[in-house]
Every structure is written in C-alpha cells, then in structure tokens.
C-alpha cells in the first residue's frame, strides 16, 4: 500500500482557507484606498505616492504597536470586529503626537488556524480604524502558525506611517511654565492595563463578560471591549489653527510615564482631577480591585486619552475648536516649575473615590 503523501494542510496550514480570508476582507480594505494607493491586495510590496508640494522638508513619522491582552476579551466574547480599531488607534495616535498626518497602515495577524470569517472580521475592524484616521490600509500579513497559538487564539500588530513638514514637528521643546493642558476624553480603558483588569474582574471577583453591571449600564464584556478612540479628527481641528507645543497619548504607564515624555527639563505638569468626567469603568475597577489612586493613574488613562499643551492665551480657543469639530475637551491642568515629581496629580476628593 502506497504511503500517503503529506500536504501543507496535514501540517495544519490551510492555504485555501487563507485565500478565502483574503477574498472576504477585500471589500473592507478597498474602502480605505485613496488616489495615493498604487497597488491592490496581493502585490509583494505596497506602493503609496507622496504629495509633498506644500511641504518644505517632508518628514515621515512611523509607529508600531499591538492590542495586548485586550484580545483575551475578544476571545471570551467571540467578537472580533472591533479589536482592529484598537490596533490602528494605538499606532496612529502615537504618530499624531508629532503633528503628523496619517498616510497608510499595515497589519500583521498571527493565528493557530485561519478561519476566513474571523480573519475578515478582524480586518473589518482594522479598515474601520483606518477610515477613522484617514489612513489607507495598503497591505498586511496573516500568518497561520499551528501548534504556536491555542485554538481560537490570535495576535495582531500594526504599523502606521504619517507625514509632517519638519518645521511643524511637535516635540515638546517649546513648552513653558504657565502653558495650559487641554484634555480630550477617552472612550474607556482603550488598550492598556488589561492584565490588571482581567486579574480584578475574572480572578478576584469571579465575574463573566456576560454579567450586566448596573454601574456601567452594560455587560462587563461590552465595557471592556469598547474600541480605543482615534484622535485624527481632534488633531485636524486644532493643529492647522493653533501652535500646539506638545501632545501626549495616554497609553501604558498612564499619566506618570507618558506626560514626562514631552516635558522640557525643569518643568512639570499639574493635573486637576475633577476638571473632567471620569468614566464609570475606572471607579468600578478601583473599587473591585481595591487599587490605590496612584496605581490607577499609573496604569490607566482615567478618561483622558490625549492631552495637548498650548499657550494659556490659546486654551479656550483650542477647546472651542475641538467642540466645534464634535469633540469634548477640558482644560485639565497647567505646566509648572519642577520642584518634585514631573507629574503632580491634584485631587478633588469627590472626583476619584
């Protein structure tokens, strides 16, 4: 009897299912294309033409990131069409901090077994994030890696490229004492701190993603899977009109690690808790986990996803411009002379309990 000839599928890699996934995702990807995209899906390299006629010294700005253990929530809920937004947001929001306009995005998805519909759902979220940020989804990779990822599990990462004229790059070097800090709200936890979140709710409290939480007005899973906000619209409303001296994306490390990244030597940031609405998910995490205030501000965005540092005379105008663009905004603090820590969280006792 002739020995059976092995195939790639026998080893756990189904190339036909991969082809079907590409076919299903095409409609989502194409909606992000613009006149600068010169290639479609399937080319070895992705081509994107640059329009730099209005720039003296064009500079490319890039950023890469993933979604982290928030993906575990997607696995629990078997809902995969929003985590792609998180992936785009984590990359694009960093690029925006330098004053850049997002141009294009590429993704990488790795899974133990390709299931076409699930991959298409993931890419739909990525495409939605690209549409929100004004980025073209010019390419990506789906890697089928049997025996590497558990059944139903996957990981993803992304890569964003933007462009800015050199003279308009935002670095924080122009920040001065007396400048005001404008905060733009987050949509919730975004994509950082989920290892702690999962320990609090699932290990300590024994909760399920299907549990309805009165304090949140929705199920725990719905609250935890809320996509990260993308701040392209907010930056587009402010940067052409005002001299923004620094932008902070509040990601891993919260307030204490991210704000100092833009502060010149000798300056500090004073943040007035109570000057913005803290979403209920954060007090709920604090209560359930018995977490210290400082730990909360060291881990989470606490309801502020992005901060802009501007001249005090411009602060009210920046807030008005953001509100005119449909964005909420608050003046949440100021730049001070550094006498201690780089970040001083000034608490309103009623703000965070």
Protein backbone atom coordinates (compact mmCIF):
# COMPACT_ATOMS: atom_id res chain seq x y z
CA UNK A 1 0.00 0.00 0.00
CA UNK A 2 1.41 3.34 -1.05
CA UNK A 3 2.24 5.67 1.80
CA UNK A 4 0.02 8.78 1.99
CA UNK A 5 1.68 11.88 0.61
CA UNK A 6 1.76 14.66 3.17
CA UNK A 7 0.49 18.14 2.35
CA UNK A 8 0.84 21.52 4.00
CA UNK A 9 -2.78 21.14 5.17
CA UNK A 10 -1.80 17.93 7.00
CA UNK A 11 0.69 20.07 8.95
CA UNK A 12 -2.09 22.45 9.96
CA UNK A 13 -1.78 25.18 7.33
CA UNK A 14 -4.78 25.55 5.02
CA UNK A 15 -3.75 27.82 2.16
CA UNK A 16 -7.20 27.60 0.56
CA UNK A 17 -8.81 28.95 3.72
CA UNK A 18 -6.22 31.72 3.67
CA UNK A 19 -7.20 32.59 0.11
CA UNK A 20 -10.85 32.67 1.16
CA UNK A 21 -9.99 35.04 4.01
CA UNK A 22 -8.30 37.41 1.57
CA UNK A 23 -11.35 37.29 -0.66
CA UNK A 24 -13.66 38.16 2.24
CA UNK A 25 -11.51 41.04 3.50
CA UNK A 26 -11.09 42.75 0.13
CA UNK A 27 -14.28 44.79 0.41
CA UNK A 28 -13.21 46.18 3.78
CA UNK A 29 -9.69 47.02 2.63
CA UNK A 30 -10.71 48.74 -0.61
CA UNK A 31 -12.88 51.28 1.19
CA UNK A 32 -9.72 52.73 2.77
CA UNK A 33 -7.95 53.30 -0.55
CA UNK A 34 -7.38 56.77 -1.98
CA UNK A 35 -5.67 58.15 -5.09
CA UNK A 36 -2.24 57.69 -3.49
CA UNK A 37 -2.54 53.91 -3.26
CA UNK A 38 -0.89 52.42 -6.35
CA UNK A 39 -1.26 48.69 -5.59
CA UNK A 40 -4.05 46.39 -4.52
CA UNK A 41 -4.03 43.31 -2.31
CA UNK A 42 -1.63 40.64 -3.44
CA UNK A 43 1.40 42.64 -4.51
CA UNK A 44 4.72 41.81 -2.84
CA UNK A 45 5.22 45.40 -1.75
CA UNK A 46 2.66 48.16 -1.21
CA UNK A 47 3.10 51.38 -3.19
CA UNK A 48 1.92 54.76 -1.91
CA UNK A 49 2.64 58.02 -3.71
CA UNK A 50 3.52 61.10 -1.63
CA UNK A 51 2.08 64.54 -2.29
CA UNK A 52 4.61 66.93 -0.72
CA UNK A 53 4.17 70.01 -2.89
CA UNK A 54 3.06 72.10 0.11
CA UNK A 55 5.92 70.99 2.35
CA UNK A 56 9.42 72.44 2.52
CA UNK A 57 11.02 69.45 4.28
CA UNK A 58 8.67 66.48 4.46
CA UNK A 59 9.41 64.07 7.30
CA UNK A 60 7.92 60.59 7.65
CA UNK A 61 6.72 59.62 11.12
CA UNK A 62 6.13 55.96 11.95
CA UNK A 63 4.71 53.99 14.84
CA UNK A 64 4.04 50.34 15.61
CA UNK A 65 2.03 48.65 18.35
CA UNK A 66 -0.42 45.87 19.14
CA UNK A 67 -3.58 45.35 21.16
CA UNK A 68 -2.17 43.38 24.08
CA UNK A 69 -4.25 41.18 26.34
CA UNK A 70 -7.45 43.04 25.45
CA UNK A 71 -7.61 40.34 22.78
CA UNK A 72 -8.48 37.89 25.56
CA UNK A 73 -11.79 39.75 25.98
CA UNK A 74 -12.49 39.34 22.26
CA UNK A 75 -11.81 35.61 22.62
CA UNK A 76 -14.19 35.35 25.59
CA UNK A 77 -16.97 37.18 23.75
CA UNK A 78 -16.21 35.64 20.35
CA UNK A 79 -16.43 39.16 18.94
CA UNK A 80 -13.60 40.17 16.63
CA UNK A 81 -14.75 43.16 14.55
CA UNK A 82 -13.57 45.96 16.89
CA UNK A 83 -10.10 44.99 18.14
CA UNK A 84 -8.69 46.02 14.76
CA UNK A 85 -9.75 49.58 15.60
CA UNK A 86 -7.65 49.31 18.77
CA UNK A 87 -4.64 48.19 16.74
CA UNK A 88 -4.89 51.16 14.40
CA UNK A 89 -5.54 53.60 17.24
CA UNK A 90 -2.51 52.54 19.24
CA UNK A 91 -0.24 53.23 16.26
CA UNK A 92 -1.94 56.26 14.73
CA UNK A 93 -2.39 58.17 17.99
CA UNK A 94 1.36 57.97 18.60
CA UNK A 95 2.07 59.34 15.11
CA UNK A 96 -0.38 62.19 15.70
CA UNK A 97 1.63 63.26 18.75
CA UNK A 98 4.42 64.51 16.48
CA UNK A 99 1.98 66.62 14.46
CA UNK A 100 1.90 64.19 11.55
CA UNK A 101 -0.96 63.42 9.19
CA UNK A 102 -1.51 59.63 8.96
CA UNK A 103 -0.95 58.24 5.48
CA UNK A 104 -1.08 54.45 5.46
CA UNK A 105 -1.22 51.40 7.67
CA UNK A 106 -0.13 47.75 7.52
CA UNK A 107 -1.22 44.92 9.80
CA UNK A 108 0.11 41.56 10.93
CA UNK A 109 -2.22 38.84 12.24
CA UNK A 110 -0.92 35.51 13.55
CA UNK A 111 -3.19 32.61 14.46
CA UNK A 112 -3.04 28.89 15.06
CA UNK A 113 -5.66 28.19 12.45
CA UNK A 114 -7.07 30.52 9.80
CA UNK A 115 -10.85 30.80 9.86
CA UNK A 116 -11.78 33.04 6.98
CA UNK A 117 -14.79 34.73 8.55
CA UNK A 118 -12.93 35.54 11.76
CA UNK A 119 -9.93 36.98 9.91
CA UNK A 120 -12.30 39.05 7.76
CA UNK A 121 -13.97 40.39 10.93
CA UNK A 122 -10.60 41.37 12.37
CA UNK A 123 -9.62 43.14 9.15
CA UNK A 124 -13.01 44.89 9.06
CA UNK A 125 -12.08 46.50 12.38
CA UNK A 126 -8.66 47.46 11.06
CA UNK A 127 -10.29 49.01 7.99
CA UNK A 128 -12.77 50.90 10.19
CA UNK A 129 -9.86 52.27 12.23
CA UNK A 130 -8.06 53.29 9.07
CA UNK A 131 -11.16 55.10 7.82
CA UNK A 132 -11.44 56.96 11.13
CA UNK A 133 -7.80 58.03 10.94
CA UNK A 134 -7.68 58.89 7.23
CA UNK A 135 -5.18 56.10 6.59
CA UNK A 136 -5.10 53.72 3.64
CA UNK A 137 -4.81 50.04 4.57
CA UNK A 138 -2.21 49.23 1.94
CA UNK A 139 -1.19 45.73 2.99
CA UNK A 140 -0.75 43.16 5.70
CA UNK A 141 0.07 39.59 6.56
CA UNK A 142 -1.94 36.73 8.00
CA UNK A 143 0.31 34.01 9.40
CA UNK A 144 -1.11 30.56 10.14
CA UNK A 145 1.06 29.02 12.86
CA UNK A 146 -0.28 25.66 14.10
CA UNK A 147 0.97 24.45 17.49
CA UNK A 148 2.07 28.01 18.30
CA UNK A 149 -1.28 29.58 19.23
CA UNK A 150 -4.14 27.89 21.08
CA UNK A 151 -7.38 27.02 19.34
CA UNK A 152 -9.27 30.21 18.52
CA UNK A 153 -6.42 32.47 19.61
CA UNK A 154 -4.57 35.09 17.58
CA UNK A 155 -2.34 38.09 18.00
CA UNK A 156 -2.07 41.24 15.93
CA UNK A 157 0.19 44.22 15.47
CA UNK A 158 0.23 47.19 13.16
CA UNK A 159 2.46 49.79 11.59
CA UNK A 160 1.44 53.37 10.80
CA UNK A 161 3.22 55.97 8.67
CA UNK A 162 2.40 59.67 8.64
CA UNK A 163 3.98 62.83 7.29
CA UNK A 164 4.73 66.31 8.63
CA UNK A 165 6.71 69.31 7.45
CA UNK A 166 9.90 69.49 9.53
CA UNK A 167 9.14 73.00 10.77
CA UNK A 168 5.80 71.78 12.15
CA UNK A 169 7.07 68.75 14.09
CA UNK A 170 5.77 68.77 17.66
CA UNK A 171 8.41 67.74 20.20
CA UNK A 172 7.50 69.50 23.45
CA UNK A 173 10.66 71.62 23.41
CA UNK A 174 8.60 74.85 23.24
CA UNK A 175 6.59 74.03 26.36
CA UNK A 176 6.86 76.74 29.02
CA UNK A 177 5.70 77.33 32.59
CA UNK A 178 2.13 78.66 32.53
CA UNK A 179 1.04 76.72 29.46
CA UNK A 180 -2.33 75.03 29.77
CA UNK A 181 -3.10 71.34 29.27
CA UNK A 182 -6.19 70.50 27.24
CA UNK A 183 -7.53 67.00 27.77
CA UNK A 184 -9.56 65.07 25.20
CA UNK A 185 -11.67 62.22 26.61
CA UNK A 186 -11.02 58.54 26.10
CA UNK A 187 -13.74 56.05 25.23
CA UNK A 188 -12.83 53.93 28.25
CA UNK A 189 -9.85 51.75 29.09
CA UNK A 190 -8.55 51.82 25.48
CA UNK A 191 -5.85 49.11 25.13
CA UNK A 192 -3.68 49.32 28.24
CA UNK A 193 -3.91 47.80 31.68
CA UNK A 194 -5.89 44.71 30.67
CA UNK A 195 -3.69 42.28 32.58
CA UNK A 196 -4.70 44.11 35.76
CA UNK A 197 -8.30 44.41 34.58
CA UNK A 198 -8.55 40.68 33.97
CA UNK A 199 -6.99 39.92 37.38
CA UNK A 200 -9.52 42.17 39.10
CA UNK A 201 -12.69 41.03 37.37
CA UNK A 202 -12.05 37.41 36.43
CA UNK A 203 -9.57 36.18 39.06
CA UNK A 204 -10.52 38.27 42.12
CA UNK A 205 -14.23 38.89 41.51
CA UNK A 206 -15.02 35.73 39.54
CA UNK A 207 -17.09 37.70 37.03
CA UNK A 208 -18.04 36.84 33.46
CA UNK A 209 -18.07 39.01 30.35
CA UNK A 210 -21.84 38.40 30.17
CA UNK A 211 -22.52 39.87 33.63
CA UNK A 212 -24.58 43.04 33.47
CA UNK A 213 -23.07 45.77 35.64
CA UNK A 214 -25.51 48.43 36.81
CA UNK A 215 -22.74 50.98 37.42
CA UNK A 216 -21.70 50.66 33.76
CA UNK A 217 -25.14 50.32 32.19
CA UNK A 218 -23.97 47.38 30.07
CA UNK A 219 -22.34 43.99 30.33
CA UNK A 220 -18.79 43.80 31.60
CA UNK A 221 -17.62 42.45 28.23
CA UNK A 222 -19.20 45.30 26.30
CA UNK A 223 -17.50 47.84 28.55
CA UNK A 224 -14.12 46.14 28.30
CA UNK A 225 -14.26 45.71 24.52
CA UNK A 226 -15.09 49.37 23.78
CA UNK A 227 -12.67 50.39 20.99
CA UNK A 228 -9.84 52.85 21.55
CA UNK A 229 -10.57 56.37 20.34
CA UNK A 230 -8.64 57.67 17.36
CA UNK A 231 -7.72 61.35 17.64
CA UNK A 232 -7.13 62.23 13.99
CA UNK A 233 -10.26 64.38 13.83
CA UNK A 234 -9.30 66.21 17.02
CA UNK A 235 -5.78 66.93 15.80
CA UNK A 236 -7.10 68.00 12.42
CA UNK A 237 -9.35 70.55 14.11
CA UNK A 238 -6.56 72.11 16.17
CA UNK A 239 -3.14 71.76 14.53
CA UNK A 240 -3.81 73.98 11.46
CA UNK A 241 -5.09 76.81 13.66
CA UNK A 242 -3.02 76.81 16.85
CA UNK A 243 0.58 76.46 17.96
CA UNK A 244 0.36 73.19 19.87
CA UNK A 245 3.55 72.79 21.89
CA UNK A 246 3.16 69.19 22.98
CA UNK A 247 0.81 66.24 22.53
CA UNK A 248 0.60 63.23 24.83
CA UNK A 249 -1.07 59.91 24.03
CA UNK A 250 -2.01 58.34 27.38
CA UNK A 251 -1.15 54.68 26.90
CA UNK A 252 0.73 52.12 29.03
CA UNK A 253 2.16 53.83 32.09
CA UNK A 254 -0.77 56.22 32.42
CA UNK A 255 -0.17 59.82 33.42
CA UNK A 256 3.06 59.32 35.33
CA UNK A 257 5.06 57.75 32.49
CA UNK A 258 3.60 59.40 29.39
CA UNK A 259 3.38 63.09 30.29
CA UNK A 260 7.11 63.42 31.15
CA UNK A 261 7.99 62.21 27.64
CA UNK A 262 7.27 65.71 26.28
CA UNK A 263 8.32 67.93 29.19
CA UNK A 264 11.46 70.09 28.87
CA UNK A 265 13.94 69.92 31.72
CA UNK A 266 12.87 71.91 34.76
CA UNK A 267 9.13 71.72 34.04
CA UNK A 268 6.33 69.63 35.46
CA UNK A 269 2.65 69.05 34.75
CA UNK A 270 -0.04 69.74 37.34
CA UNK A 271 -3.24 67.83 36.60
CA UNK A 272 -6.51 68.80 38.30
CA UNK A 273 -8.63 65.72 38.88
CA UNK A 274 -12.24 66.83 38.85
CA UNK A 275 -11.82 69.04 35.79
CA UNK A 276 -13.11 66.25 33.53
CA UNK A 277 -15.66 63.45 33.71
CA UNK A 278 -14.07 60.17 34.76
CA UNK A 279 -15.93 57.29 33.03
CA UNK A 280 -17.57 54.87 35.47
CA UNK A 281 -15.38 51.95 34.43
CA UNK A 282 -12.42 53.43 36.32
CA UNK A 283 -14.07 53.90 39.74
CA UNK A 284 -15.51 50.41 39.26
CA UNK A 285 -12.07 48.91 38.63
CA UNK A 286 -10.70 50.79 41.65
CA UNK A 287 -13.49 49.58 43.91
CA UNK A 288 -13.46 45.95 42.80
CA UNK A 289 -9.68 45.67 42.90
CA UNK A 290 -9.08 47.84 45.98
CA UNK A 291 -6.49 49.69 43.90
CA UNK A 292 -4.57 52.72 45.12
CA UNK A 293 -5.23 56.06 43.44
CA UNK A 294 -1.67 56.42 42.26
CA UNK A 295 -1.74 52.95 40.77
CA UNK A 296 -4.87 53.89 38.83
CA UNK A 297 -3.17 56.96 37.32
CA UNK A 298 -0.01 54.94 36.70
CA UNK A 299 -1.85 52.23 34.76
CA UNK A 300 -4.92 53.72 33.10
CA UNK A 301 -5.87 56.81 31.09
CA UNK A 302 -8.59 57.64 33.67
CA UNK A 303 -10.83 59.12 30.98
CA UNK A 304 -8.26 61.28 29.16
CA UNK A 305 -6.84 59.66 26.04
CA UNK A 306 -4.90 62.60 24.65
CA UNK A 307 -3.52 65.87 26.02
CA UNK A 308 -2.44 68.98 24.16
CA UNK A 309 -0.17 71.59 25.73
CA UNK A 310 -0.87 75.09 24.45
CA UNK A 311 -0.21 78.71 25.35
CA UNK A 312 -2.59 79.85 28.08
CA UNK A 313 -4.00 82.50 25.73
CA UNK A 314 -4.98 79.79 23.22
CA UNK A 315 -6.51 77.27 25.62
CA UNK A 316 -10.13 78.45 25.40
CA UNK A 317 -9.86 78.68 21.60
CA UNK A 318 -8.49 75.14 21.37
CA UNK A 319 -11.38 73.84 23.46
CA UNK A 320 -13.85 75.74 21.27
CA UNK A 321 -12.27 74.38 18.07
CA UNK A 322 -12.48 70.83 19.40
CA UNK A 323 -16.10 71.27 20.42
CA UNK A 324 -16.93 72.73 17.00
CA UNK A 325 -15.46 69.57 15.48
CA UNK A 326 -17.72 67.40 17.65
CA UNK A 327 -15.09 66.61 20.28
CA UNK A 328 -15.37 67.13 24.02
CA UNK A 329 -12.41 68.87 25.64
CA UNK A 330 -11.43 70.19 29.03
CA UNK A 331 -8.66 72.38 30.44
CA UNK A 332 -7.29 69.87 32.92
CA UNK A 333 -4.08 71.43 34.20
CA UNK A 334 -1.03 73.54 33.59
CA UNK A 335 2.73 73.45 33.20
CA UNK A 336 4.63 74.40 36.36
CA UNK A 337 8.20 74.69 37.52
CA UNK A 338 9.51 71.30 38.60
CA UNK A 339 10.10 71.10 42.33
CA UNK A 340 9.37 67.42 42.88
CA UNK A 341 7.85 64.84 40.56
CA UNK A 342 7.30 65.56 36.89
CA UNK A 343 3.57 64.93 37.27
CA UNK A 344 1.51 66.35 40.13
CA UNK A 345 -1.99 64.87 40.31
CA UNK A 346 -4.03 67.41 42.27
CA UNK A 347 -7.06 65.59 43.61
CA UNK A 348 -10.57 66.79 44.03
CA UNK A 349 -11.70 64.46 46.81
CA UNK A 350 -15.04 63.88 45.06
CA UNK A 351 -13.50 63.08 41.68
CA UNK A 352 -11.95 59.65 42.24
CA UNK A 353 -13.26 57.60 45.13
